[in-house]
């Protein structure tokens, strides 16, 4: 097994932290469409 040391490492997304923004998600459900977080802003 060979590892090429000149190859840049890809950043792996970690656990989201409190205060981080959530990704936008659109989904169709049996109770209608969901647009998160737009539909759930306070």
PDB file of N, CA and C in Angstrom:
ATOM      1  N   UNK A   1       0.844  -1.166   0.000  1.00  0.00           N
ATOM      2  CA  UNK A   1       0.000   0.000   0.000  1.00  0.00           C
ATOM      3  C   UNK A   1       0.893   1.233   0.000  1.00  0.00           C
ATOM      4  N   UNK A   2       0.632   2.143  -0.944  1.00  0.00           N
ATOM      5  CA  UNK A   2       1.419   3.367  -1.049  1.00  0.00           C
ATOM      6  C   UNK A   2       0.523   4.571  -0.792  1.00  0.00           C
ATOM      7  N   UNK A   3       1.043   5.547  -0.078  1.00  0.00           N
ATOM      8  CA  UNK A   3       0.330   6.803   0.171  1.00  0.00           C
ATOM      9  C   UNK A   3       1.153   7.924  -0.428  1.00  0.00           C
ATOM     10  N   UNK A   4       0.533   8.700  -1.323  1.00  0.00           N
ATOM     11  CA  UNK A   4       1.232   9.817  -1.946  1.00  0.00           C
ATOM     12  C   UNK A   4       1.115  11.022  -1.017  1.00  0.00           C
ATOM     13  N   UNK A   5       2.230  11.520  -0.516  1.00  0.00           N
ATOM     14  CA  UNK A   5       2.224  12.574   0.486  1.00  0.00           C
ATOM     15  C   UNK A   5       1.957  13.958  -0.088  1.00  0.00           C
ATOM     16  N   UNK A   6       2.067  14.136  -1.392  1.00  0.00           N
ATOM     17  CA  UNK A   6       1.841  15.449  -1.990  1.00  0.00           C
ATOM     18  C   UNK A   6       0.373  15.725  -2.301  1.00  0.00           C
ATOM     19  N   UNK A   7      -0.489  14.755  -2.073  1.00  0.00           N
ATOM     20  CA  UNK A   7      -1.910  14.925  -2.338  1.00  0.00           C
ATOM     21  C   UNK A   7      -2.547  15.673  -1.165  1.00  0.00           C
ATOM     22  N   UNK A   8      -3.259  16.797  -1.437  1.00  0.00           N
ATOM     23  CA  UNK A   8      -3.893  17.522  -0.327  1.00  0.00           C
ATOM     24  C   UNK A   8      -5.025  16.697   0.277  1.00  0.00           C
ATOM     25  N   UNK A   9      -5.197  16.783   1.578  1.00  0.00           N
ATOM     26  CA  UNK A   9      -6.259  16.052   2.260  1.00  0.00           C
ATOM     27  C   UNK A   9      -7.577  16.779   2.042  1.00  0.00           C
ATOM     28  N   UNK A  10      -8.628  16.008   1.848  1.00  0.00           N
ATOM     29  CA  UNK A  10      -9.951  16.607   1.703  1.00  0.00           C
ATOM     30  C   UNK A  10     -10.524  16.838   3.089  1.00  0.00           C
ATOM     31  N   UNK A  11     -11.182  17.993   3.259  1.00  0.00           N
ATOM     32  CA  UNK A  11     -11.782  18.299   4.548  1.00  0.00           C
ATOM     33  C   UNK A  11     -13.077  17.512   4.692  1.00  0.00           C
ATOM     34  N   UNK A  12     -13.208  16.800   5.801  1.00  0.00           N
ATOM     35  CA  UNK A  12     -14.392  16.002   6.078  1.00  0.00           C
ATOM     36  C   UNK A  12     -15.306  16.816   6.982  1.00  0.00           C
ATOM     37  N   UNK A  13     -16.589  16.971   6.610  1.00  0.00           N
ATOM     38  CA  UNK A  13     -17.487  17.733   7.474  1.00  0.00           C
ATOM     39  C   UNK A  13     -17.627  17.044   8.824  1.00  0.00           C
ATOM     40  N   UNK A  14     -17.539  17.819   9.861  1.00  0.00           N
ATOM     41  CA  UNK A  14     -17.655  17.263  11.204  1.00  0.00           C
ATOM     42  C   UNK A  14     -19.048  17.473  11.769  1.00  0.00           C
ATOM     43  N   UNK A  15     -19.164  17.246  13.044  1.00  0.00           N
ATOM     44  CA  UNK A  15     -20.426  17.427  13.751  1.00  0.00           C
ATOM     45  C   UNK A  15     -20.768  18.913  13.788  1.00  0.00           C
ATOM     46  N   UNK A  16     -22.009  19.299  13.450  1.00  0.00           N
ATOM     47  CA  UNK A  16     -22.369  20.714  13.530  1.00  0.00           C
ATOM     48  C   UNK A  16     -22.335  21.178  14.985  1.00  0.00           C
ATOM     49  N   UNK A  17     -21.937  22.422  15.175  1.00  0.00           N
ATOM     50  CA  UNK A  17     -21.853  22.989  16.504  1.00  0.00           C
ATOM     51  C   UNK A  17     -23.036  23.911  16.751  1.00  0.00           C
ATOM     52  N   UNK A  18     -23.346  24.169  18.011  1.00  0.00           N
ATOM     53  CA  UNK A  18     -24.429  25.089  18.355  1.00  0.00           C
ATOM     54  C   UNK A  18     -24.109  26.446  17.755  1.00  0.00           C
ATOM     55  N   UNK A  19     -25.063  27.028  17.056  1.00  0.00           N
ATOM     56  CA  UNK A  19     -24.862  28.316  16.412  1.00  0.00           C
ATOM     57  C   UNK A  19     -24.516  28.202  14.939  1.00  0.00           C
ATOM     58  N   UNK A  20     -24.130  27.008  14.472  1.00  0.00           N
ATOM     59  CA  UNK A  20     -23.856  26.810  13.046  1.00  0.00           C
ATOM     60  C   UNK A  20     -25.179  26.854  12.282  1.00  0.00           C
ATOM     61  N   UNK A  21     -25.122  27.343  11.049  1.00  0.00           N
ATOM     62  CA  UNK A  21     -26.337  27.357  10.240  1.00  0.00           C
ATOM     63  C   UNK A  21     -26.586  25.968   9.658  1.00  0.00           C
ATOM     64  N   UNK A  22     -27.859  25.650   9.520  1.00  0.00           N
ATOM     65  CA  UNK A  22     -28.241  24.348   8.966  1.00  0.00           C
ATOM     66  C   UNK A  22     -28.369  24.465   7.460  1.00  0.00           C
ATOM     67  N   UNK A  23     -28.116  23.386   6.741  1.00  0.00           N
ATOM     68  CA  UNK A  23     -28.285  23.438   5.287  1.00  0.00           C
ATOM     69  C   UNK A  23     -29.769  23.528   4.933  1.00  0.00           C
ATOM     70  N   UNK A  24     -30.077  24.175   3.824  1.00  0.00           N
ATOM     71  CA  UNK A  24     -31.465  24.254   3.358  1.00  0.00           C
ATOM     72  C   UNK A  24     -31.874  22.903   2.797  1.00  0.00           C
ATOM     73  N   UNK A  25     -33.071  22.483   3.165  1.00  0.00           N
ATOM     74  CA  UNK A  25     -33.584  21.185   2.727  1.00  0.00           C
ATOM     75  C   UNK A  25     -35.010  21.373   2.228  1.00  0.00           C
ATOM     76  N   UNK A  26     -35.310  20.825   1.056  1.00  0.00           N
ATOM     77  CA  UNK A  26     -36.676  20.794   0.541  1.00  0.00           C
ATOM     78  C   UNK A  26     -37.072  19.334   0.419  1.00  0.00           C
ATOM     79  N   UNK A  27     -38.267  18.995   0.967  1.00  0.00           N
ATOM     80  CA  UNK A  27     -38.716  17.610   0.920  1.00  0.00           C
ATOM     81  C   UNK A  27     -40.220  17.559   0.719  1.00  0.00           C
ATOM     82  N   UNK A  28     -40.672  16.538   0.018  1.00  0.00           N
ATOM     83  CA  UNK A  28     -42.102  16.282  -0.133  1.00  0.00           C
ATOM     84  C   UNK A  28     -42.466  15.196   0.868  1.00  0.00           C
ATOM     85  N   UNK A  29     -43.482  15.474   1.680  1.00  0.00           N
ATOM     86  CA  UNK A  29     -43.925  14.493   2.667  1.00  0.00           C
ATOM     87  C   UNK A  29     -45.397  14.182   2.433  1.00  0.00           C
ATOM     88  N   UNK A  30     -45.926  13.237   3.176  1.00  0.00           N
ATOM     89  CA  UNK A  30     -47.342  12.903   3.055  1.00  0.00           C
ATOM     90  C   UNK A  30     -48.221  14.020   3.601  1.00  0.00           C
ATOM     91  N   UNK A  31     -47.638  14.951   4.358  1.00  0.00           N
ATOM     92  CA  UNK A  31     -48.398  16.081   4.900  1.00  0.00           C
ATOM     93  C   UNK A  31     -48.081  17.377   4.176  1.00  0.00           C
ATOM     94  N   UNK A  32     -47.410  17.306   3.026  1.00  0.00           N
ATOM     95  CA  UNK A  32     -47.110  18.495   2.240  1.00  0.00           C
ATOM     96  C   UNK A  32     -45.613  18.735   2.111  1.00  0.00           C
ATOM     97  N   UNK A  33     -45.295  19.809   1.399  1.00  0.00           N
ATOM     98  CA  UNK A  33     -43.889  20.158   1.177  1.00  0.00           C
ATOM     99  C   UNK A  33     -43.295  20.810   2.418  1.00  0.00           C
ATOM    100  N   UNK A  34     -42.006  20.574   2.630  1.00  0.00           N
ATOM    101  CA  UNK A  34     -41.263  21.186   3.729  1.00  0.00           C
ATOM    102  C   UNK A  34     -40.092  21.945   3.127  1.00  0.00           C
ATOM    103  N   UNK A  35     -39.912  23.193   3.536  1.00  0.00           N
ATOM    104  CA  UNK A  35     -38.736  23.993   3.193  1.00  0.00           C
ATOM    105  C   UNK A  35     -38.052  24.354   4.504  1.00  0.00           C
ATOM    106  N   UNK A  36     -36.997  23.632   4.833  1.00  0.00           N
ATOM    107  CA  UNK A  36     -36.276  23.877   6.077  1.00  0.00           C
ATOM    108  C   UNK A  36     -35.033  24.676   5.764  1.00  0.00           C
ATOM    109  N   UNK A  37     -34.696  25.685   6.498  1.00  0.00           N
ATOM    110  CA  UNK A  37     -35.323  26.210   7.700  1.00  0.00           C
ATOM    111  C   UNK A  37     -36.324  27.334   7.440  1.00  0.00           C
ATOM    112  N   UNK A  38     -36.622  27.680   6.179  1.00  0.00           N
ATOM    113  CA  UNK A  38     -37.493  28.817   5.883  1.00  0.00           C
ATOM    114  C   UNK A  38     -38.869  28.681   6.534  1.00  0.00           C
ATOM    115  N   UNK A  39     -39.460  27.479   6.521  1.00  0.00           N
ATOM    116  CA  UNK A  39     -40.799  27.290   7.077  1.00  0.00           C
ATOM    117  C   UNK A  39     -40.811  27.316   8.605  1.00  0.00           C
ATOM    118  N   UNK A  40     -39.650  27.250   9.236  1.00  0.00           N
ATOM    119  CA  UNK A  40     -39.590  27.118  10.691  1.00  0.00           C
ATOM    120  C   UNK A  40     -38.873  28.261  11.373  1.00  0.00           C
ATOM    121  N   UNK A  41     -38.751  29.414  10.682  1.00  0.00           N
ATOM    122  CA  UNK A  41     -38.112  30.565  11.315  1.00  0.00           C
ATOM    123  C   UNK A  41     -39.087  31.179  12.304  1.00  0.00           C
ATOM    124  N   UNK A  42     -38.545  31.569  13.462  1.00  0.00           N
ATOM    125  CA  UNK A  42     -39.392  32.113  14.531  1.00  0.00           C
ATOM    126  C   UNK A  42     -39.544  33.521  14.434  1.00  0.00           C
TER     127      UNK A  42
END
